[in-house]
Amino acid sequence: MMISRVATAYDQNPARMALVLKRRRKKERKNRRAMVSILISIGMVALYAVNHFPG
């Protein structure tokens, strides 16, 4: 049995579409924040290593 991909009236609702887009943007923002915090942490560890382990 094949599942059809026909959008229902619920899926075509403009308010629902806007809500879905808003959620996606929110998730992207969270992912970006996590990536920035990881990069800052790595940078801080690198600075610590450079200053405390001369080589």
PDB file of N, CA and C in Angstrom:
ATOM      1  N   MET A   1       0.849  -1.184   0.000  1.00  0.00           N
ATOM      2  CA  MET A   1       0.000   0.000   0.000  1.00  0.00           C
ATOM      3  C   MET A   1       0.889   1.241   0.000  1.00  0.00           C
ATOM      4  N   MET A   2       0.575   2.168  -0.882  1.00  0.00           N
ATOM      5  CA  MET A   2       1.377   3.377  -1.005  1.00  0.00           C
ATOM      6  C   MET A   2       0.677   4.542  -0.289  1.00  0.00           C
ATOM      7  N   ILE A   3       1.454   5.292   0.456  1.00  0.00           N
ATOM      8  CA  ILE A   3       0.898   6.438   1.188  1.00  0.00           C
ATOM      9  C   ILE A   3       0.976   7.665   0.280  1.00  0.00           C
ATOM     10  N   SER A   4      -0.152   8.297   0.071  1.00  0.00           N
ATOM     11  CA  SER A   4      -0.157   9.488  -0.781  1.00  0.00           C
ATOM     12  C   SER A   4       0.341  10.696   0.002  1.00  0.00           C
ATOM     13  N   ARG A   5       0.922  11.628  -0.690  1.00  0.00           N
ATOM     14  CA  ARG A   5       1.469  12.825  -0.052  1.00  0.00           C
ATOM     15  C   ARG A   5       0.606  14.047  -0.370  1.00  0.00           C
ATOM     16  N   VAL A   6      -0.668  13.889  -0.316  1.00  0.00           N
ATOM     17  CA  VAL A   6      -1.589  14.986  -0.577  1.00  0.00           C
ATOM     18  C   VAL A   6      -1.745  15.798   0.697  1.00  0.00           C
ATOM     19  N   ALA A   7      -1.548  17.092   0.588  1.00  0.00           N
ATOM     20  CA  ALA A   7      -1.681  17.964   1.757  1.00  0.00           C
ATOM     21  C   ALA A   7      -3.153  18.133   2.108  1.00  0.00           C
ATOM     22  N   THR A   8      -3.443  18.020   3.368  1.00  0.00           N
ATOM     23  CA  THR A   8      -4.817  18.194   3.827  1.00  0.00           C
ATOM     24  C   THR A   8      -5.105  19.685   4.010  1.00  0.00           C
ATOM     25  N   ALA A   9      -6.344  19.995   4.272  1.00  0.00           N
ATOM     26  CA  ALA A   9      -6.731  21.387   4.524  1.00  0.00           C
ATOM     27  C   ALA A   9      -6.005  21.912   5.755  1.00  0.00           C
ATOM     28  N   TYR A  10      -5.766  21.028   6.716  1.00  0.00           N
ATOM     29  CA  TYR A  10      -5.045  21.414   7.934  1.00  0.00           C
ATOM     30  C   TYR A  10      -3.622  21.852   7.584  1.00  0.00           C
ATOM     31  N   ASP A  11      -2.965  21.113   6.701  1.00  0.00           N
ATOM     32  CA  ASP A  11      -1.589  21.431   6.316  1.00  0.00           C
ATOM     33  C   ASP A  11      -1.510  22.694   5.454  1.00  0.00           C
ATOM     34  N   GLN A  12      -2.569  22.979   4.716  1.00  0.00           N
ATOM     35  CA  GLN A  12      -2.569  24.135   3.816  1.00  0.00           C
ATOM     36  C   GLN A  12      -2.991  25.423   4.515  1.00  0.00           C
ATOM     37  N   ASN A  13      -3.367  25.330   5.752  1.00  0.00           N
ATOM     38  CA  ASN A  13      -3.803  26.498   6.506  1.00  0.00           C
ATOM     39  C   ASN A  13      -2.638  27.495   6.626  1.00  0.00           C
ATOM     40  N   PRO A  14      -2.815  28.745   6.160  1.00  0.00           N
ATOM     41  CA  PRO A  14      -1.723  29.730   6.200  1.00  0.00           C
ATOM     42  C   PRO A  14      -1.188  29.980   7.609  1.00  0.00           C
ATOM     43  N   ALA A  15      -2.058  29.962   8.599  1.00  0.00           N
ATOM     44  CA  ALA A  15      -1.604  30.178   9.975  1.00  0.00           C
ATOM     45  C   ALA A  15      -0.716  29.022  10.422  1.00  0.00           C
ATOM     46  N   ARG A  16      -1.072  27.806  10.044  1.00  0.00           N
ATOM     47  CA  ARG A  16      -0.258  26.633  10.394  1.00  0.00           C
ATOM     48  C   ARG A  16       1.082  26.690   9.670  1.00  0.00           C
ATOM     49  N   MET A  17       1.074  27.079   8.415  1.00  0.00           N
ATOM     50  CA  MET A  17       2.318  27.177   7.659  1.00  0.00           C
ATOM     51  C   MET A  17       3.256  28.187   8.311  1.00  0.00           C
ATOM     52  N   ALA A  18       2.712  29.306   8.750  1.00  0.00           N
ATOM     53  CA  ALA A  18       3.526  30.331   9.414  1.00  0.00           C
ATOM     54  C   ALA A  18       4.091  29.796  10.728  1.00  0.00           C
ATOM     55  N   LEU A  19       3.281  29.032  11.442  1.00  0.00           N
ATOM     56  CA  LEU A  19       3.728  28.458  12.715  1.00  0.00           C
ATOM     57  C   LEU A  19       4.868  27.460  12.495  1.00  0.00           C
ATOM     58  N   VAL A  20       4.744  26.641  11.472  1.00  0.00           N
ATOM     59  CA  VAL A  20       5.789  25.665  11.169  1.00  0.00           C
ATOM     60  C   VAL A  20       7.088  26.378  10.808  1.00  0.00           C
ATOM     61  N   LEU A  21       7.003  27.425   9.988  1.00  0.00           N
ATOM     62  CA  LEU A  21       8.197  28.190   9.622  1.00  0.00           C
ATOM     63  C   LEU A  21       8.833  28.844  10.842  1.00  0.00           C
ATOM     64  N   LYS A  22       7.999  29.343  11.746  1.00  0.00           N
ATOM     65  CA  LYS A  22       8.510  29.982  12.962  1.00  0.00           C
ATOM     66  C   LYS A  22       9.261  28.964  13.821  1.00  0.00           C
ATOM     67  N   ARG A  23       8.709  27.757  13.929  1.00  0.00           N
ATOM     68  CA  ARG A  23       9.375  26.704  14.706  1.00  0.00           C
ATOM     69  C   ARG A  23      10.721  26.339  14.092  1.00  0.00           C
ATOM     70  N   ARG A  24      10.752  26.250  12.769  1.00  0.00           N
ATOM     71  CA  ARG A  24      12.015  25.898  12.104  1.00  0.00           C
ATOM     72  C   ARG A  24      13.068  26.960  12.359  1.00  0.00           C
ATOM     73  N   ARG A  25      12.675  28.220  12.267  1.00  0.00           N
ATOM     74  CA  ARG A  25      13.627  29.308  12.513  1.00  0.00           C
ATOM     75  C   ARG A  25      14.136  29.268  13.952  1.00  0.00           C
ATOM     76  N   LYS A  26      13.226  28.948  14.876  1.00  0.00           N
ATOM     77  CA  LYS A  26      13.599  28.878  16.285  1.00  0.00           C
ATOM     78  C   LYS A  26      14.616  27.765  16.516  1.00  0.00           C
ATOM     79  N   LYS A  27      14.400  26.618  15.875  1.00  0.00           N
ATOM     80  CA  LYS A  27      15.337  25.499  16.005  1.00  0.00           C
ATOM     81  C   LYS A  27      16.693  25.874  15.418  1.00  0.00           C
ATOM     82  N   GLU A  28      16.686  26.544  14.273  1.00  0.00           N
ATOM     83  CA  GLU A  28      17.941  26.962  13.657  1.00  0.00           C
ATOM     84  C   GLU A  28      18.697  27.915  14.573  1.00  0.00           C
ATOM     85  N   ARG A  29      17.967  28.817  15.222  1.00  0.00           N
ATOM     86  CA  ARG A  29      18.584  29.776  16.127  1.00  0.00           C
ATOM     87  C   ARG A  29      19.246  29.054  17.300  1.00  0.00           C
ATOM     88  N   LYS A  30      18.560  28.030  17.842  1.00  0.00           N
ATOM     89  CA  LYS A  30      19.123  27.260  18.953  1.00  0.00           C
ATOM     90  C   LYS A  30      20.391  26.544  18.512  1.00  0.00           C
ATOM     91  N   ASN A  31      20.364  25.960  17.308  1.00  0.00           N
ATOM     92  CA  ASN A  31      21.535  25.255  16.806  1.00  0.00           C
ATOM     93  C   ASN A  31      22.697  26.215  16.619  1.00  0.00           C
ATOM     94  N   ARG A  32      22.415  27.407  16.139  1.00  0.00           N
ATOM     95  CA  ARG A  32      23.462  28.403  15.917  1.00  0.00           C
ATOM     96  C   ARG A  32      24.077  28.825  17.255  1.00  0.00           C
ATOM     97  N   ARG A  33      23.231  29.016  18.265  1.00  0.00           N
ATOM     98  CA  ARG A  33      23.732  29.391  19.594  1.00  0.00           C
ATOM     99  C   ARG A  33      24.642  28.306  20.152  1.00  0.00           C
ATOM    100  N   ALA A  34      24.242  27.061  19.998  1.00  0.00           N
ATOM    101  CA  ALA A  34      25.047  25.948  20.499  1.00  0.00           C
ATOM    102  C   ALA A  34      26.396  25.918  19.787  1.00  0.00           C
ATOM    103  N   MET A  35      26.399  26.122  18.480  1.00  0.00           N
ATOM    104  CA  MET A  35      27.647  26.088  17.720  1.00  0.00           C
ATOM    105  C   MET A  35      28.564  27.226  18.151  1.00  0.00           C
ATOM    106  N   VAL A  36      28.017  28.415  18.355  1.00  0.00           N
ATOM    107  CA  VAL A  36      28.827  29.555  18.789  1.00  0.00           C
ATOM    108  C   VAL A  36      29.425  29.292  20.160  1.00  0.00           C
ATOM    109  N   SER A  37      28.645  28.750  21.071  1.00  0.00           N
ATOM    110  CA  SER A  37      29.172  28.486  22.419  1.00  0.00           C
ATOM    111  C   SER A  37      30.261  27.419  22.375  1.00  0.00           C
ATOM    112  N   ILE A  38      30.112  26.413  21.520  1.00  0.00           N
ATOM    113  CA  ILE A  38      31.147  25.388  21.379  1.00  0.00           C
ATOM    114  C   ILE A  38      32.429  26.002  20.828  1.00  0.00           C
ATOM    115  N   LEU A  39      32.304  26.855  19.813  1.00  0.00           N
ATOM    116  CA  LEU A  39      33.491  27.482  19.238  1.00  0.00           C
ATOM    117  C   LEU A  39      34.195  28.396  20.244  1.00  0.00           C
ATOM    118  N   ILE A  40      33.426  29.116  21.041  1.00  0.00           N
ATOM    119  CA  ILE A  40      34.024  29.979  22.066  1.00  0.00           C
ATOM    120  C   ILE A  40      34.761  29.123  23.096  1.00  0.00           C
ATOM    121  N   SER A  41      34.160  28.018  23.503  1.00  0.00           N
ATOM    122  CA  SER A  41      34.799  27.128  24.475  1.00  0.00           C
ATOM    123  C   SER A  41      36.115  26.569  23.932  1.00  0.00           C
ATOM    124  N   ILE A  42      36.105  26.145  22.676  1.00  0.00           N
ATOM    125  CA  ILE A  42      37.330  25.622  22.059  1.00  0.00           C
ATOM    126  C   ILE A  42      38.394  26.705  21.998  1.00  0.00           C
ATOM    127  N   GLY A  43      37.992  27.922  21.664  1.00  0.00           N
ATOM    128  CA  GLY A  43      38.934  29.037  21.619  1.00  0.00           C
ATOM    129  C   GLY A  43      39.546  29.324  22.979  1.00  0.00           C
ATOM    130  N   MET A  44      38.733  29.260  24.019  1.00  0.00           N
ATOM    131  CA  MET A  44      39.246  29.510  25.371  1.00  0.00           C
ATOM    132  C   MET A  44      40.239  28.425  25.787  1.00  0.00           C
ATOM    133  N   VAL A  45      39.937  27.179  25.468  1.00  0.00           N
ATOM    134  CA  VAL A  45      40.856  26.079  25.787  1.00  0.00           C
ATOM    135  C   VAL A  45      42.160  26.252  25.017  1.00  0.00           C
ATOM    136  N   ALA A  46      42.074  26.667  23.759  1.00  0.00           N
ATOM    137  CA  ALA A  46      43.277  26.881  22.954  1.00  0.00           C
ATOM    138  C   ALA A  46      44.127  28.011  23.535  1.00  0.00           C
ATOM    139  N   LEU A  47      43.498  29.102  23.955  1.00  0.00           N
ATOM    140  CA  LEU A  47      44.245  30.209  24.562  1.00  0.00           C
ATOM    141  C   LEU A  47      44.918  29.763  25.858  1.00  0.00           C
ATOM    142  N   TYR A  48      44.211  28.980  26.651  1.00  0.00           N
ATOM    143  CA  TYR A  48      44.790  28.462  27.897  1.00  0.00           C
ATOM    144  C   TYR A  48      46.015  27.603  27.593  1.00  0.00           C
ATOM    145  N   ALA A  49      45.870  26.744  26.603  1.00  0.00           N
ATOM    146  CA  ALA A  49      46.976  25.845  26.251  1.00  0.00           C
ATOM    147  C   ALA A  49      48.183  26.638  25.756  1.00  0.00           C
ATOM    148  N   VAL A  50      47.955  27.652  24.940  1.00  0.00           N
ATOM    149  CA  VAL A  50      49.060  28.459  24.414  1.00  0.00           C
ATOM    150  C   VAL A  50      49.776  29.204  25.524  1.00  0.00           C
ATOM    151  N   ASN A  51      49.038  29.733  26.480  1.00  0.00           N
ATOM    152  CA  ASN A  51      49.635  30.533  27.545  1.00  0.00           C
ATOM    153  C   ASN A  51      50.302  29.693  28.632  1.00  0.00           C
ATOM    154  N   HIS A  52      49.788  28.516  28.911  1.00  0.00           N
ATOM    155  CA  HIS A  52      50.297  27.741  30.044  1.00  0.00           C
ATOM    156  C   HIS A  52      51.213  26.587  29.666  1.00  0.00           C
ATOM    157  N   PHE A  53      51.254  26.247  28.392  1.00  0.00           N
ATOM    158  CA  PHE A  53      52.140  25.166  27.940  1.00  0.00           C
ATOM    159  C   PHE A  53      53.047  25.690  26.832  1.00  0.00           C
ATOM    160  N   PRO A  54      54.084  26.442  27.190  1.00  0.00           N
ATOM    161  CA  PRO A  54      54.968  26.979  26.153  1.00  0.00           C
ATOM    162  C   PRO A  54      55.685  25.831  25.440  1.00  0.00           C
ATOM    163  N   GLY A  55      55.858  26.027  24.152  1.00  0.00           N
ATOM    164  CA  GLY A  55      56.506  24.917  23.462  1.00  0.00           C
ATOM    165  C   GLY A  55      57.067  25.240  22.178  1.00  0.00           C
TER     166      GLY A  55
END
